[in-house]
């Protein structure tokens, strides 16, 4: 049994089509194989106390059109900026369309990362950009080798999502265990 099983874990997602929620469910199911029970919340119903009640948070956000932020996450922005997440570990996942919007792929995840870092949270789960075909992304580092979290493309690469989720959750478990051992 992994040490992750002892963490109070929440997954907060925003969704308009249901894809981000569905991917959150898959992430939660894989975490369950490590003994980790995940409570899922829609950002539309979230309050700051939900964020602050977990030791480990997974946050999911889709990118709309030309880098647009999912509306409920955008509505929560002011509250997001008041959160105190010192001592909380956060991992991000984002959905986007790398071919239809190659200049804005998973930009919303980059937007969310920027705001979460200001809360004092420790962000883990950076993900390789290898295997993706995009021009620009606010979620990628300067040399475009890593995203700030798991990038999923349910429009163009839906057949890769399950393998990516499995590998990312395994990575999160390792990163959490290394952090707790340090």
Protein backbone atom coordinates (compact mmCIF):
# COMPACT_ATOMS: atom_id res chain seq x y z
CA UNK A 1 0.00 0.00 0.00
CA UNK A 2 1.33 3.41 -0.99
CA UNK A 3 1.74 6.35 1.39
CA UNK A 4 -0.69 8.24 -0.84
CA UNK A 5 -3.49 6.22 0.74
CA UNK A 6 -3.17 8.29 3.93
CA UNK A 7 -3.63 11.68 2.25
CA UNK A 8 -6.97 13.51 2.25
CA UNK A 9 -7.32 13.87 -1.52
CA UNK A 10 -9.70 16.01 -3.52
CA UNK A 11 -10.15 16.44 -7.25
CA UNK A 12 -11.76 19.68 -8.39
CA UNK A 13 -12.69 20.05 -12.04
CA UNK A 14 -14.44 22.49 -14.32
CA UNK A 15 -16.31 21.16 -17.34
CA UNK A 16 -18.78 22.18 -20.00
CA UNK A 17 -18.86 19.03 -22.13
CA UNK A 18 -18.20 16.45 -19.40
CA UNK A 19 -14.74 15.48 -20.70
CA UNK A 20 -12.79 17.04 -17.82
CA UNK A 21 -15.06 15.34 -15.31
CA UNK A 22 -14.71 12.02 -17.14
CA UNK A 23 -10.90 12.30 -17.10
CA UNK A 24 -11.08 13.18 -13.39
CA UNK A 25 -13.05 10.01 -12.82
CA UNK A 26 -10.39 8.00 -14.61
CA UNK A 27 -7.63 9.66 -12.56
CA UNK A 28 -9.58 8.91 -9.37
CA UNK A 29 -10.03 5.26 -10.41
CA UNK A 30 -6.30 4.81 -10.99
CA UNK A 31 -5.52 6.49 -7.66
CA UNK A 32 -7.91 4.02 -6.00
CA UNK A 33 -5.63 1.18 -7.13
CA UNK A 34 -3.01 2.77 -4.85
CA UNK A 35 -5.47 2.84 -1.96
CA UNK A 36 -6.18 6.55 -2.38
CA UNK A 37 -9.78 7.63 -1.93
CA UNK A 38 -10.55 10.75 -3.97
CA UNK A 39 -13.49 13.12 -3.39
CA UNK A 40 -14.54 14.83 -6.62
CA UNK A 41 -16.01 18.35 -6.75
CA UNK A 42 -17.22 20.51 -9.61
CA UNK A 43 -15.69 24.00 -9.41
CA UNK A 44 -19.18 25.37 -10.09
CA UNK A 45 -20.15 24.22 -6.56
CA UNK A 46 -16.80 24.84 -4.84
CA UNK A 47 -16.00 27.17 -1.97
CA UNK A 48 -12.52 28.03 -0.64
CA UNK A 49 -12.97 25.70 2.34
CA UNK A 50 -13.12 22.71 -0.03
CA UNK A 51 -9.66 23.55 -1.37
CA UNK A 52 -8.26 24.10 2.10
CA UNK A 53 -9.62 20.82 3.51
CA UNK A 54 -7.30 18.56 1.48
CA UNK A 55 -3.62 17.66 1.78
CA UNK A 56 -3.45 16.66 -1.89
CA UNK A 57 -5.47 18.39 -4.61
CA UNK A 58 -5.83 17.51 -8.27
CA UNK A 59 -7.27 20.32 -10.35
CA UNK A 60 -8.71 19.86 -13.84
CA UNK A 61 -9.46 22.56 -16.39
CA UNK A 62 -10.25 22.56 -20.12
CA UNK A 63 -9.08 25.23 -22.54
CA UNK A 64 -11.70 26.73 -24.82
CA UNK A 65 -11.09 27.98 -28.36
CA UNK A 66 -8.27 30.51 -28.45
CA UNK A 67 -6.91 30.01 -24.92
CA UNK A 68 -10.20 30.62 -23.11
CA UNK A 69 -10.63 29.73 -19.45
CA UNK A 70 -13.54 27.46 -18.52
CA UNK A 71 -16.26 29.79 -17.22
CA UNK A 72 -16.69 28.43 -13.68
CA UNK A 73 -12.93 28.50 -13.07
CA UNK A 74 -12.89 32.07 -14.34
CA UNK A 75 -15.79 32.92 -12.00
CA UNK A 76 -13.81 31.42 -9.07
CA UNK A 77 -10.62 33.39 -9.86
CA UNK A 78 -11.08 36.03 -7.15
CA UNK A 79 -11.62 33.36 -4.47
CA UNK A 80 -8.70 31.37 -5.86
CA UNK A 81 -6.43 34.32 -5.20
CA UNK A 82 -7.36 34.35 -1.50
CA UNK A 83 -6.58 30.68 -0.83
CA UNK A 84 -3.86 29.70 1.62
CA UNK A 85 -2.59 26.34 0.39
CA UNK A 86 0.77 26.28 2.20
CA UNK A 87 1.40 22.64 3.08
CA UNK A 88 -0.90 21.43 0.28
CA UNK A 89 0.40 19.51 -2.71
CA UNK A 90 -1.36 20.18 -6.01
CA UNK A 91 -1.28 18.42 -9.37
CA UNK A 92 -2.93 19.81 -12.50
CA UNK A 93 -4.45 18.28 -15.58
CA UNK A 94 -5.80 20.13 -18.57
CA UNK A 95 -7.72 19.34 -21.72
CA UNK A 96 -7.28 20.96 -25.09
CA UNK A 97 -7.21 20.41 -28.85
CA UNK A 98 -3.62 20.54 -30.09
CA UNK A 99 -4.48 20.50 -33.79
CA UNK A 100 -7.50 22.80 -33.87
CA UNK A 101 -5.89 25.29 -31.47
CA UNK A 102 -2.16 24.58 -31.77
CA UNK A 103 -1.21 28.08 -30.57
CA UNK A 104 -3.28 27.77 -27.37
CA UNK A 105 -2.98 24.11 -26.39
CA UNK A 106 -3.97 23.64 -22.71
CA UNK A 107 -3.39 27.36 -22.04
CA UNK A 108 -6.00 27.28 -19.25
CA UNK A 109 -3.84 24.82 -17.30
CA UNK A 110 -1.00 27.37 -17.45
CA UNK A 111 -3.40 30.06 -16.24
CA UNK A 112 -4.45 27.87 -13.31
CA UNK A 113 -0.85 26.94 -12.47
CA UNK A 114 0.10 30.61 -12.27
CA UNK A 115 -2.66 31.28 -9.76
CA UNK A 116 -2.11 28.12 -7.69
CA UNK A 117 1.59 28.90 -7.26
CA UNK A 118 0.59 32.21 -5.63
CA UNK A 119 -1.37 30.32 -2.93
CA UNK A 120 1.79 28.76 -1.49
CA UNK A 121 0.94 25.26 -2.72
CA UNK A 122 3.62 22.88 -3.91
CA UNK A 123 2.83 21.85 -7.51
CA UNK A 124 3.94 18.43 -8.74
CA UNK A 125 3.22 16.34 -11.83
CA UNK A 126 5.02 18.20 -14.62
CA UNK A 127 4.50 16.17 -17.80
CA UNK A 128 6.65 15.75 -20.92
CA UNK A 129 5.51 17.45 -24.12
CA UNK A 130 6.86 14.50 -26.11
CA UNK A 131 4.15 12.98 -28.31
CA UNK A 132 2.18 16.20 -28.65
CA UNK A 133 2.05 18.43 -31.74
CA UNK A 134 1.39 22.07 -30.81
CA UNK A 135 2.87 25.47 -31.58
CA UNK A 136 2.50 27.27 -28.26
CA UNK A 137 1.11 26.71 -24.78
CA UNK A 138 0.91 28.80 -21.63
CA UNK A 139 1.18 25.46 -19.78
CA UNK A 140 4.59 24.60 -21.27
CA UNK A 141 7.96 25.72 -19.96
CA UNK A 142 10.14 28.06 -22.03
CA UNK A 143 11.88 25.32 -24.01
CA UNK A 144 8.58 23.47 -24.56
CA UNK A 145 9.82 20.22 -22.96
CA UNK A 146 7.39 20.05 -20.03
CA UNK A 147 3.81 20.97 -19.28
CA UNK A 148 2.98 22.11 -15.73
CA UNK A 149 0.64 19.10 -15.47
CA UNK A 150 -0.94 16.32 -17.50
CA UNK A 151 -2.10 17.47 -20.94
CA UNK A 152 -4.97 15.48 -22.44
CA UNK A 153 -6.45 15.84 -25.91
CA UNK A 154 -9.82 14.11 -26.08
CA UNK A 155 -10.40 15.57 -29.57
CA UNK A 156 -7.32 14.30 -31.39
CA UNK A 157 -5.53 11.78 -29.14
CA UNK A 158 -8.33 10.24 -27.06
CA UNK A 159 -6.75 6.83 -27.64
CA UNK A 160 -3.69 7.91 -25.62
CA UNK A 161 -5.54 9.32 -22.60
CA UNK A 162 -5.79 6.13 -20.54
CA UNK A 163 -2.08 5.32 -20.89
CA UNK A 164 -1.15 8.92 -20.12
CA UNK A 165 -3.36 8.95 -17.02
CA UNK A 166 -1.91 5.66 -15.76
CA UNK A 167 1.68 6.86 -16.23
CA UNK A 168 0.95 10.28 -14.71
CA UNK A 169 -0.72 8.85 -11.61
CA UNK A 170 2.24 6.50 -11.14
CA UNK A 171 4.52 9.56 -11.42
CA UNK A 172 2.41 11.45 -8.84
CA UNK A 173 2.65 8.56 -6.38
CA UNK A 174 6.44 8.51 -6.72
CA UNK A 175 6.72 12.30 -6.37
CA UNK A 176 4.48 12.33 -3.29
CA UNK A 177 6.43 9.52 -1.64
CA UNK A 178 9.76 11.24 -2.37
CA UNK A 179 8.44 14.51 -0.91
CA UNK A 180 7.18 12.81 2.25
CA UNK A 181 10.52 10.96 2.70
CA UNK A 182 12.55 14.17 2.38
